[in-house]
Amino acid sequence: MPNASRVAIRQVTGTTELAAVERLQAAVFTPSDRVPVTGRVWWLGWDGSKPVAFAGLRLVEDAAFLCLSGVLRTHRGRGLQVHLIQTRERFARRTGATACITYTVPDNPASGNSLIRAGFRLYEPQFAWCGRGVLYWQKTM
């Protein structure tokens, strides 16, 4: 069984790794749920030489928006998503962000539970940038 401690998380540094992020998005999400790889900072989770997880972040003013992330089905349930959240939090702190924000859809309790384990709390933003019907999460740093 794979576990999160065996997966190395590294920041994406080149086009080959960006292509791996795109392939993982295609493996985990429908086309309408994917996001462009440009304009974001990405991390890949590697199990040996195989990318098995990804996570993105976009800096917005003094906040870090945790954008799309995913883990291959074979590596789910081992705490990897929490490690990806914490990795992005550390990066955000180093850049001077004062908060991390994100959202989940209500029918994805696994993502919500990962955010709760990482210290995030639900909140209601002044402007619902993803529309109604999603859950907004925030962690002040």
Protein backbone atom coordinates (compact mmCIF):
# COMPACT_ATOMS: atom_id res chain seq x y z
CA MET A 1 0.00 0.00 0.00
CA PRO A 2 1.36 3.43 -0.88
CA ASN A 3 1.61 5.99 1.88
CA ALA A 4 2.20 9.74 1.89
CA SER A 5 5.62 9.49 3.53
CA ARG A 6 6.92 7.55 0.51
CA VAL A 7 5.74 10.22 -1.92
CA ALA A 8 8.18 13.07 -2.56
CA ILE A 9 6.51 16.43 -3.20
CA ARG A 10 8.50 18.78 -5.41
CA GLN A 11 7.72 22.12 -7.00
CA VAL A 12 7.32 21.97 -10.77
CA THR A 13 10.24 23.60 -12.57
CA GLY A 14 9.90 22.84 -16.27
CA THR A 15 7.65 22.12 -19.22
CA THR A 16 8.03 18.35 -18.91
CA GLU A 17 6.67 18.51 -15.37
CA LEU A 18 3.88 20.90 -16.43
CA ALA A 19 2.87 18.29 -19.00
CA ALA A 20 2.74 15.75 -16.16
CA VAL A 21 0.37 18.08 -14.27
CA GLU A 22 -1.87 18.22 -17.36
CA ARG A 23 -1.84 14.41 -17.69
CA LEU A 24 -2.75 13.99 -14.03
CA GLN A 25 -5.57 16.52 -14.35
CA ALA A 26 -6.90 14.49 -17.28
CA ALA A 27 -6.68 11.29 -15.23
CA VAL A 28 -8.46 12.74 -12.18
CA PHE A 29 -10.93 15.34 -13.50
CA THR A 30 -13.41 15.87 -16.31
CA PRO A 31 -12.42 18.42 -18.99
CA SER A 32 -14.73 21.08 -17.51
CA ASP A 33 -13.05 20.80 -14.08
CA ARG A 34 -9.45 21.23 -15.26
CA VAL A 35 -7.55 24.52 -15.05
CA PRO A 36 -4.78 25.95 -17.23
CA VAL A 37 -1.27 25.26 -15.97
CA THR A 38 -0.05 28.78 -16.76
CA GLY A 39 -0.26 31.52 -14.15
CA ARG A 40 0.01 29.14 -11.22
CA VAL A 41 2.71 27.50 -9.14
CA TRP A 42 2.46 23.69 -9.22
CA TRP A 43 3.76 20.76 -7.20
CA LEU A 44 3.93 17.12 -8.15
CA GLY A 45 3.89 14.16 -5.79
CA TRP A 46 6.29 11.46 -6.98
CA ASP A 47 6.15 7.80 -6.01
CA GLY A 48 9.59 6.85 -7.22
CA SER A 49 9.75 8.09 -10.81
CA LYS A 50 5.97 8.18 -11.29
CA PRO A 51 3.93 11.36 -10.71
CA VAL A 52 0.86 10.39 -8.66
CA ALA A 53 -0.48 13.71 -7.35
CA PHE A 54 -0.50 17.40 -8.16
CA ALA A 55 -1.50 20.67 -6.53
CA GLY A 56 -1.57 24.29 -7.64
CA LEU A 57 -1.47 27.71 -6.05
CA ARG A 58 -2.12 31.19 -7.37
CA LEU A 59 -1.09 34.31 -5.46
CA VAL A 60 -3.87 36.91 -5.29
CA GLU A 61 -2.90 40.15 -3.52
CA ASP A 62 -1.92 39.09 0.01
CA ALA A 63 -3.64 35.69 -0.15
CA ALA A 64 -2.76 32.36 -1.67
CA PHE A 65 -5.54 30.63 -3.57
CA LEU A 66 -5.16 26.86 -3.40
CA CYS A 67 -6.42 25.86 -6.81
CA LEU A 68 -6.97 22.45 -8.28
CA SER A 69 -5.27 19.43 -6.77
CA GLY A 70 -5.69 15.74 -7.23
CA VAL A 71 -4.35 12.33 -6.30
CA LEU A 72 -4.50 9.22 -8.43
CA ARG A 73 -7.02 6.70 -7.12
CA THR A 74 -4.19 4.24 -6.33
CA HIS A 75 -2.69 6.71 -3.85
CA ARG A 76 -5.79 8.08 -2.14
CA GLY A 77 -6.59 7.62 1.54
CA ARG A 78 -3.00 7.95 2.75
CA GLY A 79 -2.88 11.62 3.78
CA LEU A 80 -1.20 12.85 0.62
CA GLN A 81 -3.74 15.63 0.07
CA VAL A 82 -3.00 17.08 3.52
CA HIS A 83 0.74 17.07 2.70
CA LEU A 84 0.01 18.92 -0.55
CA ILE A 85 -2.03 21.52 1.36
CA GLN A 86 0.75 22.00 3.92
CA THR A 87 3.39 22.32 1.18
CA ARG A 88 1.42 25.12 -0.46
CA GLU A 89 0.86 26.81 2.91
CA ARG A 90 4.61 26.90 3.60
CA PHE A 91 5.22 28.41 0.16
CA ALA A 92 2.48 31.01 0.75
CA ARG A 93 4.02 32.04 4.08
CA ARG A 94 7.43 32.50 2.44
CA THR A 95 5.84 34.82 -0.15
CA GLY A 96 4.21 36.96 2.56
CA ALA A 97 0.63 35.78 2.11
CA THR A 98 -1.54 36.39 5.17
CA ALA A 99 -4.17 33.77 4.34
CA CYS A 100 -4.84 30.72 2.20
CA ILE A 101 -8.26 30.39 0.58
CA THR A 102 -9.92 27.74 -1.53
CA TYR A 103 -13.25 26.09 -2.22
CA THR A 104 -14.74 22.62 -2.57
CA VAL A 105 -17.96 21.27 -3.95
CA PRO A 106 -20.39 19.89 -1.36
CA ASP A 107 -20.28 16.35 -2.77
CA ASN A 108 -16.54 16.05 -2.15
CA PRO A 109 -16.26 15.45 1.60
CA ALA A 110 -12.75 13.98 1.28
CA SER A 111 -11.35 17.35 0.18
CA GLY A 112 -13.25 19.17 2.92
CA ASN A 113 -11.94 16.73 5.52
CA SER A 114 -8.36 17.24 4.30
CA LEU A 115 -8.78 21.00 4.63
CA ILE A 116 -10.19 20.63 8.14
CA ARG A 117 -7.22 18.43 9.13
CA ALA A 118 -4.91 21.16 7.79
CA GLY A 119 -6.64 23.80 9.95
CA PHE A 120 -8.96 25.43 7.39
CA ARG A 121 -12.42 26.67 8.36
CA LEU A 122 -15.51 27.43 6.32
CA TYR A 123 -16.21 31.10 5.64
CA GLU A 124 -18.44 33.26 3.50
CA PRO A 125 -16.53 35.62 1.21
CA GLN A 126 -17.87 39.08 0.37
CA PHE A 127 -17.98 38.04 -3.28
CA ALA A 128 -18.73 34.42 -4.15
CA TRP A 129 -16.14 34.20 -6.93
CA CYS A 130 -17.01 30.59 -7.78
CA GLY A 131 -20.74 31.15 -7.50
CA ARG A 132 -23.24 29.80 -5.06
CA GLY A 133 -23.40 26.16 -4.13
CA VAL A 134 -19.71 25.73 -3.25
CA LEU A 135 -18.02 25.69 0.13
CA TYR A 136 -15.40 28.37 0.73
CA TRP A 137 -12.47 27.66 3.04
CA GLN A 138 -9.88 29.93 4.67
CA LYS A 139 -6.87 29.68 6.92
CA THR A 140 -5.31 32.82 8.34
CA MET A 141 -1.57 32.68 8.82
